[in-house]
């Protein structure tokens, strides 16, 4: 399918709240590359705000809490996907990768919670 037609179909599907599965690794690689490019563009926009001088570590705290909340929600989604993969006898390699993603997600939520606590500690210490 031509790239423009696929892009149009994806745009319509997204507008309707649908998502489509990709059947080739080339399609998946295209999606992953676009996700990465979008994330980098958004990071540049966010970096402008982050790099400005802060008078307190508390300025960063709400953003860290938001990030942790999103990661926690995504980990919940991954756990559900993992349960489904196990229940439906999906390949072991897929299950192992989902298990690793879930474990990593839980580690991230713990690290982000510690980071949020560190903002309060830094504020108490006068930073």
PDB file of N, CA and C in Angstrom:
ATOM      1  N   UNK A   1       0.847  -1.169   0.000  1.00  0.00           N
ATOM      2  CA  UNK A   1       0.000   0.000   0.000  1.00  0.00           C
ATOM      3  C   UNK A   1       0.899   1.240   0.000  1.00  0.00           C
ATOM      4  N   UNK A   2       0.604   2.228  -0.847  1.00  0.00           N
ATOM      5  CA  UNK A   2       1.426   3.450  -0.865  1.00  0.00           C
ATOM      6  C   UNK A   2       1.431   4.114   0.505  1.00  0.00           C
ATOM      7  N   UNK A   3       2.561   4.770   0.800  1.00  0.00           N
ATOM      8  CA  UNK A   3       2.745   5.394   2.115  1.00  0.00           C
ATOM      9  C   UNK A   3       1.661   6.429   2.415  1.00  0.00           C
ATOM     10  N   UNK A   4       1.283   7.256   1.438  1.00  0.00           N
ATOM     11  CA  UNK A   4       0.282   8.304   1.694  1.00  0.00           C
ATOM     12  C   UNK A   4      -1.086   7.709   1.991  1.00  0.00           C
ATOM     13  N   UNK A   5      -1.427   6.644   1.293  1.00  0.00           N
ATOM     14  CA  UNK A   5      -2.714   5.996   1.549  1.00  0.00           C
ATOM     15  C   UNK A   5      -2.730   5.392   2.951  1.00  0.00           C
ATOM     16  N   UNK A   6      -1.624   4.749   3.338  1.00  0.00           N
ATOM     17  CA  UNK A   6      -1.526   4.176   4.677  1.00  0.00           C
ATOM     18  C   UNK A   6      -1.623   5.276   5.731  1.00  0.00           C
ATOM     19  N   UNK A   7      -0.945   6.400   5.500  1.00  0.00           N
ATOM     20  CA  UNK A   7      -0.990   7.507   6.447  1.00  0.00           C
ATOM     21  C   UNK A   7      -2.409   8.043   6.585  1.00  0.00           C
ATOM     22  N   UNK A   8      -3.126   8.139   5.477  1.00  0.00           N
ATOM     23  CA  UNK A   8      -4.507   8.610   5.519  1.00  0.00           C
ATOM     24  C   UNK A   8      -5.380   7.630   6.291  1.00  0.00           C
ATOM     25  N   UNK A   9      -5.205   6.352   6.027  1.00  0.00           N
ATOM     26  CA  UNK A   9      -5.980   5.342   6.750  1.00  0.00           C
ATOM     27  C   UNK A   9      -5.672   5.381   8.245  1.00  0.00           C
ATOM     28  N   UNK A  10      -4.402   5.552   8.590  1.00  0.00           N
ATOM     29  CA  UNK A  10      -4.021   5.645   9.999  1.00  0.00           C
ATOM     30  C   UNK A  10      -4.629   6.882  10.649  1.00  0.00           C
ATOM     31  N   UNK A  11      -4.655   8.006   9.923  1.00  0.00           N
ATOM     32  CA  UNK A  11      -5.232   9.243  10.457  1.00  0.00           C
ATOM     33  C   UNK A  11      -6.728   9.077  10.711  1.00  0.00           C
ATOM     34  N   UNK A  12      -7.428   8.456   9.777  1.00  0.00           N
ATOM     35  CA  UNK A  12      -8.859   8.227   9.950  1.00  0.00           C
ATOM     36  C   UNK A  12      -9.105   7.282  11.123  1.00  0.00           C
ATOM     37  N   UNK A  13      -8.326   6.221  11.190  1.00  0.00           N
ATOM     38  CA  UNK A  13      -8.480   5.262  12.288  1.00  0.00           C
ATOM     39  C   UNK A  13      -8.223   5.932  13.630  1.00  0.00           C
ATOM     40  N   UNK A  14      -7.200   6.762  13.706  1.00  0.00           N
ATOM     41  CA  UNK A  14      -6.884   7.460  14.958  1.00  0.00           C
ATOM     42  C   UNK A  14      -8.020   8.396  15.345  1.00  0.00           C
ATOM     43  N   UNK A  15      -8.587   9.067  14.354  1.00  0.00           N
ATOM     44  CA  UNK A  15      -9.696  10.002  14.618  1.00  0.00           C
ATOM     45  C   UNK A  15     -10.899   9.265  15.195  1.00  0.00           C
ATOM     46  N   UNK A  16     -11.098   8.027  14.739  1.00  0.00           N
ATOM     47  CA  UNK A  16     -12.221   7.223  15.211  1.00  0.00           C
ATOM     48  C   UNK A  16     -11.881   6.440  16.479  1.00  0.00           C
ATOM     49  N   UNK A  17     -10.633   6.569  16.937  1.00  0.00           N
ATOM     50  CA  UNK A  17     -10.221   5.856  18.142  1.00  0.00           C
ATOM     51  C   UNK A  17      -9.825   4.416  17.888  1.00  0.00           C
ATOM     52  N   UNK A  18      -9.595   4.068  16.635  1.00  0.00           N
ATOM     53  CA  UNK A  18      -9.188   2.711  16.289  1.00  0.00           C
ATOM     54  C   UNK A  18      -7.673   2.648  16.183  1.00  0.00           C
ATOM     55  N   UNK A  19      -7.151   1.476  16.394  1.00  0.00           N
ATOM     56  CA  UNK A  19      -5.732   1.216  16.158  1.00  0.00           C
ATOM     57  C   UNK A  19      -5.629  -0.037  15.317  1.00  0.00           C
ATOM     58  N   UNK A  20      -4.629  -0.066  14.472  1.00  0.00           N
ATOM     59  CA  UNK A  20      -4.483  -1.246  13.634  1.00  0.00           C
ATOM     60  C   UNK A  20      -3.191  -1.965  13.984  1.00  0.00           C
ATOM     61  N   UNK A  21      -3.212  -3.257  13.771  1.00  0.00           N
ATOM     62  CA  UNK A  21      -2.009  -4.066  13.985  1.00  0.00           C
ATOM     63  C   UNK A  21      -1.154  -4.003  12.725  1.00  0.00           C
ATOM     64  N   UNK A  22       0.113  -4.118  12.893  1.00  0.00           N
ATOM     65  CA  UNK A  22       1.062  -4.099  11.777  1.00  0.00           C
ATOM     66  C   UNK A  22       1.556  -5.516  11.567  1.00  0.00           C
ATOM     67  N   UNK A  23       1.636  -5.928  10.317  1.00  0.00           N
ATOM     68  CA  UNK A  23       1.942  -7.322  10.018  1.00  0.00           C
ATOM     69  C   UNK A  23       3.387  -7.566   9.623  1.00  0.00           C
ATOM     70  N   UNK A  24       4.148  -6.506   9.401  1.00  0.00           N
ATOM     71  CA  UNK A  24       5.556  -6.699   9.035  1.00  0.00           C
ATOM     72  C   UNK A  24       6.441  -5.913   9.991  1.00  0.00           C
ATOM     73  N   UNK A  25       7.671  -6.390  10.142  1.00  0.00           N
ATOM     74  CA  UNK A  25       8.593  -5.657  11.002  1.00  0.00           C
ATOM     75  C   UNK A  25       8.952  -4.309  10.384  1.00  0.00           C
ATOM     76  N   UNK A  26       8.891  -4.188   9.071  1.00  0.00           N
ATOM     77  CA  UNK A  26       9.164  -2.894   8.427  1.00  0.00           C
ATOM     78  C   UNK A  26       8.109  -1.864   8.837  1.00  0.00           C
ATOM     79  N   UNK A  27       6.837  -2.271   8.847  1.00  0.00           N
ATOM     80  CA  UNK A  27       5.781  -1.360   9.300  1.00  0.00           C
ATOM     81  C   UNK A  27       5.988  -0.984  10.764  1.00  0.00           C
ATOM     82  N   UNK A  28       6.332  -1.969  11.570  1.00  0.00           N
ATOM     83  CA  UNK A  28       6.564  -1.717  12.993  1.00  0.00           C
ATOM     84  C   UNK A  28       7.740  -0.768  13.175  1.00  0.00           C
ATOM     85  N   UNK A  29       8.812  -0.984  12.428  1.00  0.00           N
ATOM     86  CA  UNK A  29       9.982  -0.101  12.515  1.00  0.00           C
ATOM     87  C   UNK A  29       9.615   1.326  12.136  1.00  0.00           C
ATOM     88  N   UNK A  30       8.742   1.511  11.136  1.00  0.00           N
ATOM     89  CA  UNK A  30       8.283   2.852  10.759  1.00  0.00           C
ATOM     90  C   UNK A  30       7.531   3.517  11.916  1.00  0.00           C
ATOM     91  N   UNK A  31       6.648   2.756  12.555  1.00  0.00           N
ATOM     92  CA  UNK A  31       5.876   3.289  13.684  1.00  0.00           C
ATOM     93  C   UNK A  31       6.805   3.642  14.842  1.00  0.00           C
ATOM     94  N   UNK A  32       7.755   2.750  15.135  1.00  0.00           N
ATOM     95  CA  UNK A  32       8.694   3.012  16.228  1.00  0.00           C
ATOM     96  C   UNK A  32       9.545   4.246  15.940  1.00  0.00           C
ATOM     97  N   UNK A  33       9.976   4.401  14.701  1.00  0.00           N
ATOM     98  CA  UNK A  33      10.782   5.569  14.326  1.00  0.00           C
ATOM     99  C   UNK A  33       9.962   6.851  14.476  1.00  0.00           C
ATOM    100  N   UNK A  34       8.702   6.816  14.078  1.00  0.00           N
ATOM    101  CA  UNK A  34       7.851   8.000  14.220  1.00  0.00           C
ATOM    102  C   UNK A  34       7.596   8.319  15.692  1.00  0.00           C
ATOM    103  N   UNK A  35       7.381   7.295  16.515  1.00  0.00           N
ATOM    104  CA  UNK A  35       7.213   7.524  17.954  1.00  0.00           C
ATOM    105  C   UNK A  35       8.451   8.183  18.542  1.00  0.00           C
ATOM    106  N   UNK A  36       9.609   7.690  18.152  1.00  0.00           N
ATOM    107  CA  UNK A  36      10.864   8.246  18.655  1.00  0.00           C
ATOM    108  C   UNK A  36      11.025   9.691  18.224  1.00  0.00           C
ATOM    109  N   UNK A  37      10.752   9.983  16.965  1.00  0.00           N
ATOM    110  CA  UNK A  37      10.873  11.355  16.465  1.00  0.00           C
ATOM    111  C   UNK A  37       9.910  12.284  17.201  1.00  0.00           C
ATOM    112  N   UNK A  38       8.687  11.838  17.421  1.00  0.00           N
ATOM    113  CA  UNK A  38       7.701  12.655  18.139  1.00  0.00           C
ATOM    114  C   UNK A  38       8.157  12.895  19.573  1.00  0.00           C
ATOM    115  N   UNK A  39       8.643  11.859  20.225  1.00  0.00           N
ATOM    116  CA  UNK A  39       9.117  12.004  21.605  1.00  0.00           C
ATOM    117  C   UNK A  39      10.279  12.979  21.677  1.00  0.00           C
ATOM    118  N   UNK A  40      11.182  12.930  20.713  1.00  0.00           N
ATOM    119  CA  UNK A  40      12.329  13.850  20.708  1.00  0.00           C
ATOM    120  C   UNK A  40      11.868  15.296  20.502  1.00  0.00           C
ATOM    121  N   UNK A  41      10.905  15.501  19.602  1.00  0.00           N
ATOM    122  CA  UNK A  41      10.373  16.861  19.401  1.00  0.00           C
ATOM    123  C   UNK A  41       9.734  17.382  20.685  1.00  0.00           C
ATOM    124  N   UNK A  42       8.951  16.548  21.339  1.00  0.00           N
ATOM    125  CA  UNK A  42       8.300  16.961  22.579  1.00  0.00           C
ATOM    126  C   UNK A  42       9.319  17.199  23.683  1.00  0.00           C
ATOM    127  N   UNK A  43      10.371  16.407  23.725  1.00  0.00           N
ATOM    128  CA  UNK A  43      11.410  16.571  24.742  1.00  0.00           C
ATOM    129  C   UNK A  43      12.126  17.899  24.576  1.00  0.00           C
ATOM    130  N   UNK A  44      12.340  18.315  23.343  1.00  0.00           N
ATOM    131  CA  UNK A  44      12.989  19.603  23.095  1.00  0.00           C
ATOM    132  C   UNK A  44      12.121  20.732  23.630  1.00  0.00           C
ATOM    133  N   UNK A  45      10.813  20.645  23.401  1.00  0.00           N
ATOM    134  CA  UNK A  45       9.899  21.664  23.925  1.00  0.00           C
ATOM    135  C   UNK A  45       9.905  21.686  25.444  1.00  0.00           C
ATOM    136  N   UNK A  46       9.892  20.516  26.056  1.00  0.00           N
ATOM    137  CA  UNK A  46       9.892  20.418  27.512  1.00  0.00           C
ATOM    138  C   UNK A  46      11.220  20.879  28.097  1.00  0.00           C
ATOM    139  N   UNK A  47      12.303  20.597  27.402  1.00  0.00           N
ATOM    140  CA  UNK A  47      13.634  20.962  27.900  1.00  0.00           C
ATOM    141  C   UNK A  47      13.759  22.468  28.088  1.00  0.00           C
ATOM    142  N   UNK A  48      13.123  23.239  27.242  1.00  0.00           N
ATOM    143  CA  UNK A  48      13.182  24.700  27.393  1.00  0.00           C
ATOM    144  C   UNK A  48      12.655  25.128  28.757  1.00  0.00           C
ATOM    145  N   UNK A  49      11.580  24.497  29.203  1.00  0.00           N
ATOM    146  CA  UNK A  49      11.016  24.831  30.508  1.00  0.00           C
ATOM    147  C   UNK A  49      11.879  24.278  31.638  1.00  0.00           C
ATOM    148  N   UNK A  50      12.392  23.076  31.442  1.00  0.00           N
ATOM    149  CA  UNK A  50      13.175  22.413  32.484  1.00  0.00           C
ATOM    150  C   UNK A  50      14.501  23.105  32.728  1.00  0.00           C
ATOM    151  N   UNK A  51      15.100  23.650  31.687  1.00  0.00           N
ATOM    152  CA  UNK A  51      16.424  24.238  31.816  1.00  0.00           C
ATOM    153  C   UNK A  51      16.421  25.627  32.430  1.00  0.00           C
ATOM    154  N   UNK A  52      15.257  26.262  32.492  1.00  0.00           N
ATOM    155  CA  UNK A  52      15.233  27.588  33.098  1.00  0.00           C
ATOM    156  C   UNK A  52      15.546  27.468  34.593  1.00  0.00           C
ATOM    157  N   UNK A  53      16.089  28.525  35.189  1.00  0.00           N
ATOM    158  CA  UNK A  53      16.462  28.441  36.612  1.00  0.00           C
ATOM    159  C   UNK A  53      15.245  28.170  37.507  1.00  0.00           C
ATOM    160  N   UNK A  54      15.450  27.302  38.474  1.00  0.00           N
ATOM    161  CA  UNK A  54      14.408  26.990  39.463  1.00  0.00           C
ATOM    162  C   UNK A  54      14.879  27.485  40.820  1.00  0.00           C
ATOM    163  N   UNK A  55      13.960  28.058  41.573  1.00  0.00           N
ATOM    164  CA  UNK A  55      14.327  28.509  42.908  1.00  0.00           C
ATOM    165  C   UNK A  55      14.083  27.418  43.946  1.00  0.00           C
ATOM    166  N   UNK A  56      13.468  26.311  43.518  1.00  0.00           N
ATOM    167  CA  UNK A  56      13.185  25.223  44.451  1.00  0.00           C
ATOM    168  C   UNK A  56      13.022  23.917  43.668  1.00  0.00           C
ATOM    169  N   UNK A  57      13.414  22.819  44.279  1.00  0.00           N
ATOM    170  CA  UNK A  57      13.211  21.513  43.660  1.00  0.00           C
ATOM    171  C   UNK A  57      11.734  21.189  43.536  1.00  0.00           C
ATOM    172  N   UNK A  58      10.904  21.871  44.319  1.00  0.00           N
ATOM    173  CA  UNK A  58       9.463  21.625  44.264  1.00  0.00           C
ATOM    174  C   UNK A  58       8.867  21.999  42.909  1.00  0.00           C
ATOM    175  N   UNK A  59       9.545  22.878  42.167  1.00  0.00           N
ATOM    176  CA  UNK A  59       9.057  23.281  40.848  1.00  0.00           C
ATOM    177  C   UNK A  59       8.975  22.062  39.927  1.00  0.00           C
ATOM    178  N   UNK A  60       9.899  21.129  40.084  1.00  0.00           N
ATOM    179  CA  UNK A  60       9.938  19.949  39.225  1.00  0.00           C
ATOM    180  C   UNK A  60       8.999  18.838  39.698  1.00  0.00           C
ATOM    181  N   UNK A  61       8.585  18.885  40.940  1.00  0.00           N
ATOM    182  CA  UNK A  61       7.816  17.794  41.532  1.00  0.00           C
ATOM    183  C   UNK A  61       6.517  17.460  40.793  1.00  0.00           C
ATOM    184  N   UNK A  62       5.667  18.425  40.433  1.00  0.00           N
ATOM    185  CA  UNK A  62       4.418  18.057  39.747  1.00  0.00           C
ATOM    186  C   UNK A  62       4.658  17.296  38.437  1.00  0.00           C
ATOM    187  N   UNK A  63       5.681  17.679  37.701  1.00  0.00           N
ATOM    188  CA  UNK A  63       5.986  16.971  36.463  1.00  0.00           C
ATOM    189  C   UNK A  63       6.386  15.531  36.723  1.00  0.00           C
ATOM    190  N   UNK A  64       7.200  15.317  37.766  1.00  0.00           N
ATOM    191  CA  UNK A  64       7.604  13.952  38.105  1.00  0.00           C
ATOM    192  C   UNK A  64       6.411  13.113  38.541  1.00  0.00           C
ATOM    193  N   UNK A  65       5.507  13.727  39.294  1.00  0.00           N
ATOM    194  CA  UNK A  65       4.297  13.004  39.703  1.00  0.00           C
ATOM    195  C   UNK A  65       3.446  12.633  38.494  1.00  0.00           C
ATOM    196  N   UNK A  66       3.333  13.544  37.535  1.00  0.00           N
ATOM    197  CA  UNK A  66       2.572  13.250  36.315  1.00  0.00           C
ATOM    198  C   UNK A  66       3.191  12.096  35.543  1.00  0.00           C
ATOM    199  N   UNK A  67       4.502  12.129  35.403  1.00  0.00           N
ATOM    200  CA  UNK A  67       5.202  11.065  34.678  1.00  0.00           C
ATOM    201  C   UNK A  67       4.976   9.725  35.372  1.00  0.00           C
ATOM    202  N   UNK A  68       5.127   9.706  36.707  1.00  0.00           N
ATOM    203  CA  UNK A  68       4.932   8.455  37.444  1.00  0.00           C
ATOM    204  C   UNK A  68       3.518   7.925  37.259  1.00  0.00           C
ATOM    205  N   UNK A  69       2.547   8.819  37.282  1.00  0.00           N
ATOM    206  CA  UNK A  69       1.157   8.396  37.088  1.00  0.00           C
ATOM    207  C   UNK A  69       0.937   7.759  35.722  1.00  0.00           C
ATOM    208  N   UNK A  70       1.530   8.357  34.686  1.00  0.00           N
ATOM    209  CA  UNK A  70       1.393   7.792  33.340  1.00  0.00           C
ATOM    210  C   UNK A  70       2.096   6.446  33.235  1.00  0.00           C
ATOM    211  N   UNK A  71       3.286   6.338  33.820  1.00  0.00           N
ATOM    212  CA  UNK A  71       4.016   5.063  33.783  1.00  0.00           C
ATOM    213  C   UNK A  71       3.232   3.997  34.524  1.00  0.00           C
ATOM    214  N   UNK A  72       2.692   4.350  35.681  1.00  0.00           N
ATOM    215  CA  UNK A  72       1.922   3.397  36.475  1.00  0.00           C
ATOM    216  C   UNK A  72       0.706   2.896  35.697  1.00  0.00           C
ATOM    217  N   UNK A  73       0.011   3.794  35.015  1.00  0.00           N
ATOM    218  CA  UNK A  73      -1.139   3.391  34.196  1.00  0.00           C
ATOM    219  C   UNK A  73      -0.697   2.477  33.053  1.00  0.00           C
ATOM    220  N   UNK A  74       0.419   2.807  32.430  1.00  0.00           N
ATOM    221  CA  UNK A  74       0.921   1.976  31.330  1.00  0.00           C
ATOM    222  C   UNK A  74       1.352   0.603  31.833  1.00  0.00           C
ATOM    223  N   UNK A  75       1.948   0.542  33.006  1.00  0.00           N
ATOM    224  CA  UNK A  75       2.346  -0.751  33.574  1.00  0.00           C
ATOM    225  C   UNK A  75       1.099  -1.592  33.845  1.00  0.00           C
ATOM    226  N   UNK A  76       0.050  -0.965  34.303  1.00  0.00           N
ATOM    227  CA  UNK A  76      -1.208  -1.694  34.504  1.00  0.00           C
ATOM    228  C   UNK A  76      -1.720  -2.289  33.200  1.00  0.00           C
ATOM    229  N   UNK A  77      -1.618  -1.521  32.132  1.00  0.00           N
ATOM    230  CA  UNK A  77      -2.026  -2.013  30.812  1.00  0.00           C
ATOM    231  C   UNK A  77      -1.138  -3.192  30.383  1.00  0.00           C
ATOM    232  N   UNK A  78       0.163  -3.059  30.605  1.00  0.00           N
ATOM    233  CA  UNK A  78       1.087  -4.139  30.262  1.00  0.00           C
ATOM    234  C   UNK A  78       0.803  -5.401  31.072  1.00  0.00           C
ATOM    235  N   UNK A  79       0.462  -5.236  32.351  1.00  0.00           N
ATOM    236  CA  UNK A  79       0.131  -6.400  33.178  1.00  0.00           C
ATOM    237  C   UNK A  79      -1.092  -7.129  32.629  1.00  0.00           C
ATOM    238  N   UNK A  80      -2.078  -6.369  32.183  1.00  0.00           N
ATOM    239  CA  UNK A  80      -3.273  -6.962  31.588  1.00  0.00           C
ATOM    240  C   UNK A  80      -2.917  -7.709  30.307  1.00  0.00           C
ATOM    241  N   UNK A  81      -2.058  -7.091  29.481  1.00  0.00           N
ATOM    242  CA  UNK A  81      -1.616  -7.746  28.253  1.00  0.00           C
ATOM    243  C   UNK A  81      -0.846  -9.023  28.576  1.00  0.00           C
ATOM    244  N   UNK A  82      -0.018  -8.986  29.595  1.00  0.00           N
ATOM    245  CA  UNK A  82       0.745 -10.163  30.010  1.00  0.00           C
ATOM    246  C   UNK A  82      -0.194 -11.278  30.460  1.00  0.00           C
ATOM    247  N   UNK A  83      -1.183 -10.936  31.273  1.00  0.00           N
ATOM    248  CA  UNK A  83      -2.157 -11.944  31.707  1.00  0.00           C
ATOM    249  C   UNK A  83      -2.859 -12.573  30.507  1.00  0.00           C
ATOM    250  N   UNK A  84      -3.246 -11.732  29.548  1.00  0.00           N
ATOM    251  CA  UNK A  84      -3.906 -12.243  28.348  1.00  0.00           C
ATOM    252  C   UNK A  84      -2.993 -13.128  27.525  1.00  0.00           C
ATOM    253  N   UNK A  85      -1.733 -12.735  27.405  1.00  0.00           N
ATOM    254  CA  UNK A  85      -0.777 -13.539  26.638  1.00  0.00           C
ATOM    255  C   UNK A  85      -0.593 -14.913  27.286  1.00  0.00           C
ATOM    256  N   UNK A  86      -0.523 -14.924  28.598  1.00  0.00           N
ATOM    257  CA  UNK A  86      -0.380 -16.208  29.305  1.00  0.00           C
ATOM    258  C   UNK A  86      -1.633 -17.063  29.126  1.00  0.00           C
ATOM    259  N   UNK A  87      -2.786 -16.434  29.306  1.00  0.00           N
ATOM    260  CA  UNK A  87      -4.060 -17.151  29.243  1.00  0.00           C
ATOM    261  C   UNK A  87      -4.306 -17.748  27.857  1.00  0.00           C
ATOM    262  N   UNK A  88      -3.852 -17.071  26.830  1.00  0.00           N
ATOM    263  CA  UNK A  88      -4.121 -17.513  25.461  1.00  0.00           C
ATOM    264  C   UNK A  88      -2.955 -18.273  24.841  1.00  0.00           C
ATOM    265  N   UNK A  89      -1.972 -18.643  25.653  1.00  0.00           N
ATOM    266  CA  UNK A  89      -0.883 -19.483  25.183  1.00  0.00           C
ATOM    267  C   UNK A  89       0.004 -18.844  24.128  1.00  0.00           C
ATOM    268  N   UNK A  90       0.263 -17.558  24.269  1.00  0.00           N
ATOM    269  CA  UNK A  90       1.146 -16.876  23.321  1.00  0.00           C
ATOM    270  C   UNK A  90       2.569 -17.418  23.446  1.00  0.00           C
ATOM    271  N   UNK A  91       3.407 -17.165  22.451  1.00  0.00           N
ATOM    272  CA  UNK A  91       4.778 -17.695  22.476  1.00  0.00           C
ATOM    273  C   UNK A  91       5.559 -17.247  23.717  1.00  0.00           C
ATOM    274  N   UNK A  92       6.418 -18.147  24.191  1.00  0.00           N
ATOM    275  CA  UNK A  92       7.217 -17.884  25.387  1.00  0.00           C
ATOM    276  C   UNK A  92       8.054 -16.607  25.259  1.00  0.00           C
ATOM    277  N   UNK A  93       8.597 -16.365  24.078  1.00  0.00           N
ATOM    278  CA  UNK A  93       9.430 -15.178  23.867  1.00  0.00           C
ATOM    279  C   UNK A  93       8.626 -13.896  24.102  1.00  0.00           C
ATOM    280  N   UNK A  94       7.389 -13.867  23.633  1.00  0.00           N
ATOM    281  CA  UNK A  94       6.523 -12.709  23.852  1.00  0.00           C
ATOM    282  C   UNK A  94       6.234 -12.542  25.339  1.00  0.00           C
ATOM    283  N   UNK A  95       5.931 -13.629  26.007  1.00  0.00           N
ATOM    284  CA  UNK A  95       5.630 -13.568  27.446  1.00  0.00           C
ATOM    285  C   UNK A  95       6.844 -13.093  28.231  1.00  0.00           C
ATOM    286  N   UNK A  96       8.026 -13.612  27.902  1.00  0.00           N
ATOM    287  CA  UNK A  96       9.249 -13.171  28.606  1.00  0.00           C
ATOM    288  C   UNK A  96       9.489 -11.681  28.416  1.00  0.00           C
ATOM    289  N   UNK A  97       9.265 -11.195  27.204  1.00  0.00           N
ATOM    290  CA  UNK A  97       9.481  -9.761  26.940  1.00  0.00           C
ATOM    291  C   UNK A  97       8.455  -8.905  27.671  1.00  0.00           C
ATOM    292  N   UNK A  98       7.220  -9.361  27.717  1.00  0.00           N
ATOM    293  CA  UNK A  98       6.206  -8.628  28.483  1.00  0.00           C
ATOM    294  C   UNK A  98       6.530  -8.633  29.970  1.00  0.00           C
ATOM    295  N   UNK A  99       6.988  -9.773  30.478  1.00  0.00           N
ATOM    296  CA  UNK A  99       7.385  -9.850  31.895  1.00  0.00           C
ATOM    297  C   UNK A  99       8.505  -8.848  32.182  1.00  0.00           C
ATOM    298  N   UNK A 100       9.477  -8.781  31.289  1.00  0.00           N
ATOM    299  CA  UNK A 100      10.585  -7.839  31.479  1.00  0.00           C
ATOM    300  C   UNK A 100      10.091  -6.400  31.439  1.00  0.00           C
ATOM    301  N   UNK A 101       9.175  -6.101  30.524  1.00  0.00           N
ATOM    302  CA  UNK A 101       8.634  -4.746  30.432  1.00  0.00           C
ATOM    303  C   UNK A 101       7.855  -4.379  31.699  1.00  0.00           C
ATOM    304  N   UNK A 102       7.064  -5.317  32.203  1.00  0.00           N
ATOM    305  CA  UNK A 102       6.303  -5.074  33.435  1.00  0.00           C
ATOM    306  C   UNK A 102       7.260  -4.847  34.606  1.00  0.00           C
ATOM    307  N   UNK A 103       8.268  -5.709  34.735  1.00  0.00           N
ATOM    308  CA  UNK A 103       9.244  -5.547  35.815  1.00  0.00           C
ATOM    309  C   UNK A 103       9.953  -4.195  35.719  1.00  0.00           C
ATOM    310  N   UNK A 104      10.368  -3.843  34.519  1.00  0.00           N
ATOM    311  CA  UNK A 104      11.052  -2.565  34.317  1.00  0.00           C
ATOM    312  C   UNK A 104      10.114  -1.401  34.653  1.00  0.00           C
ATOM    313  N   UNK A 105       8.868  -1.518  34.253  1.00  0.00           N
ATOM    314  CA  UNK A 105       7.895  -0.471  34.563  1.00  0.00           C
ATOM    315  C   UNK A 105       7.717  -0.286  36.059  1.00  0.00           C
ATOM    316  N   UNK A 106       7.645  -1.403  36.777  1.00  0.00           N
ATOM    317  CA  UNK A 106       7.533  -1.300  38.237  1.00  0.00           C
ATOM    318  C   UNK A 106       8.776  -0.649  38.838  1.00  0.00           C
ATOM    319  N   UNK A 107       9.947  -0.997  38.314  1.00  0.00           N
ATOM    320  CA  UNK A 107      11.181  -0.365  38.781  1.00  0.00           C
ATOM    321  C   UNK A 107      11.146   1.137  38.518  1.00  0.00           C
ATOM    322  N   UNK A 108      10.642   1.532  37.354  1.00  0.00           N
ATOM    323  CA  UNK A 108      10.554   2.959  37.039  1.00  0.00           C
ATOM    324  C   UNK A 108       9.631   3.683  38.005  1.00  0.00           C
ATOM    325  N   UNK A 109       8.496   3.073  38.358  1.00  0.00           N
ATOM    326  CA  UNK A 109       7.581   3.751  39.280  1.00  0.00           C
ATOM    327  C   UNK A 109       8.223   3.938  40.646  1.00  0.00           C
ATOM    328  N   UNK A 110       9.010   2.955  41.087  1.00  0.00           N
ATOM    329  CA  UNK A 110       9.709   3.075  42.371  1.00  0.00           C
ATOM    330  C   UNK A 110      10.757   4.190  42.285  1.00  0.00           C
ATOM    331  N   UNK A 111      11.529   4.202  41.208  1.00  0.00           N
ATOM    332  CA  UNK A 111      12.552   5.246  41.039  1.00  0.00           C
ATOM    333  C   UNK A 111      11.921   6.635  40.966  1.00  0.00           C
ATOM    334  N   UNK A 112      10.800   6.739  40.267  1.00  0.00           N
ATOM    335  CA  UNK A 112      10.135   8.050  40.165  1.00  0.00           C
ATOM    336  C   UNK A 112       9.544   8.472  41.508  1.00  0.00           C
ATOM    337  N   UNK A 113       9.015   7.530  42.272  1.00  0.00           N
ATOM    338  CA  UNK A 113       8.515   7.865  43.612  1.00  0.00           C
ATOM    339  C   UNK A 113       9.661   8.376  44.479  1.00  0.00           C
ATOM    340  N   UNK A 114      10.817   7.717  44.393  1.00  0.00           N
ATOM    341  CA  UNK A 114      11.991   8.177  45.130  1.00  0.00           C
ATOM    342  C   UNK A 114      12.416   9.569  44.672  1.00  0.00           C
ATOM    343  N   UNK A 115      12.316   9.834  43.371  1.00  0.00           N
ATOM    344  CA  UNK A 115      12.662  11.149  42.827  1.00  0.00           C
ATOM    345  C   UNK A 115      11.728  12.219  43.378  1.00  0.00           C
ATOM    346  N   UNK A 116      10.444  11.906  43.439  1.00  0.00           N
ATOM    347  CA  UNK A 116       9.473  12.866  43.993  1.00  0.00           C
ATOM    348  C   UNK A 116       9.800  13.146  45.453  1.00  0.00           C
ATOM    349  N   UNK A 117      10.107  12.109  46.200  1.00  0.00           N
ATOM    350  CA  UNK A 117      10.476  12.302  47.613  1.00  0.00           C
ATOM    351  C   UNK A 117      11.738  13.155  47.725  1.00  0.00           C
ATOM    352  N   UNK A 118      12.663  12.960  46.780  1.00  0.00           N
ATOM    353  CA  UNK A 118      13.906  13.739  46.803  1.00  0.00           C
ATOM    354  C   UNK A 118      13.643  15.214  46.576  1.00  0.00           C
ATOM    355  N   UNK A 119      12.596  15.566  45.835  1.00  0.00           N
ATOM    356  CA  UNK A 119      12.296  16.994  45.648  1.00  0.00           C
ATOM    357  C   UNK A 119      11.880  17.613  46.973  1.00  0.00           C
ATOM    358  N   UNK A 120      11.103  16.878  47.772  1.00  0.00           N
ATOM    359  CA  UNK A 120      10.711  17.393  49.086  1.00  0.00           C
ATOM    360  C   UNK A 120      11.912  17.487  50.015  1.00  0.00           C
ATOM    361  N   UNK A 121      12.788  16.468  49.952  1.00  0.00           N
ATOM    362  CA  UNK A 121      14.000  16.500  50.776  1.00  0.00           C
ATOM    363  C   UNK A 121      14.887  17.689  50.398  1.00  0.00           C
ATOM    364  N   UNK A 122      15.021  17.917  49.096  1.00  0.00           N
ATOM    365  CA  UNK A 122      15.842  19.042  48.638  1.00  0.00           C
ATOM    366  C   UNK A 122      15.239  20.365  49.082  1.00  0.00           C
ATOM    367  N   UNK A 123      13.939  20.469  49.038  1.00  0.00           N
ATOM    368  CA  UNK A 123      13.274  21.692  49.482  1.00  0.00           C
ATOM    369  C   UNK A 123      13.510  21.918  50.962  1.00  0.00           C
ATOM    370  N   UNK A 124      13.412  20.851  51.747  1.00  0.00           N
ATOM    371  CA  UNK A 124      13.648  20.953  53.177  1.00  0.00           C
ATOM    372  C   UNK A 124      15.086  21.392  53.461  1.00  0.00           C
ATOM    373  N   UNK A 125      16.004  20.923  52.616  1.00  0.00           N
ATOM    374  CA  UNK A 125      17.428  21.285  52.776  1.00  0.00           C
ATOM    375  C   UNK A 125      17.741  22.678  52.240  1.00  0.00           C
ATOM    376  N   UNK A 126      16.735  23.342  51.665  1.00  0.00           N
ATOM    377  CA  UNK A 126      16.931  24.708  51.203  1.00  0.00           C
ATOM    378  C   UNK A 126      17.314  24.847  49.740  1.00  0.00           C
ATOM    379  N   UNK A 127      17.033  23.853  48.929  1.00  0.00           N
ATOM    380  CA  UNK A 127      17.364  23.934  47.495  1.00  0.00           C
ATOM    381  C   UNK A 127      16.110  24.094  46.679  1.00  0.00           C
TER     382      UNK A 127
END
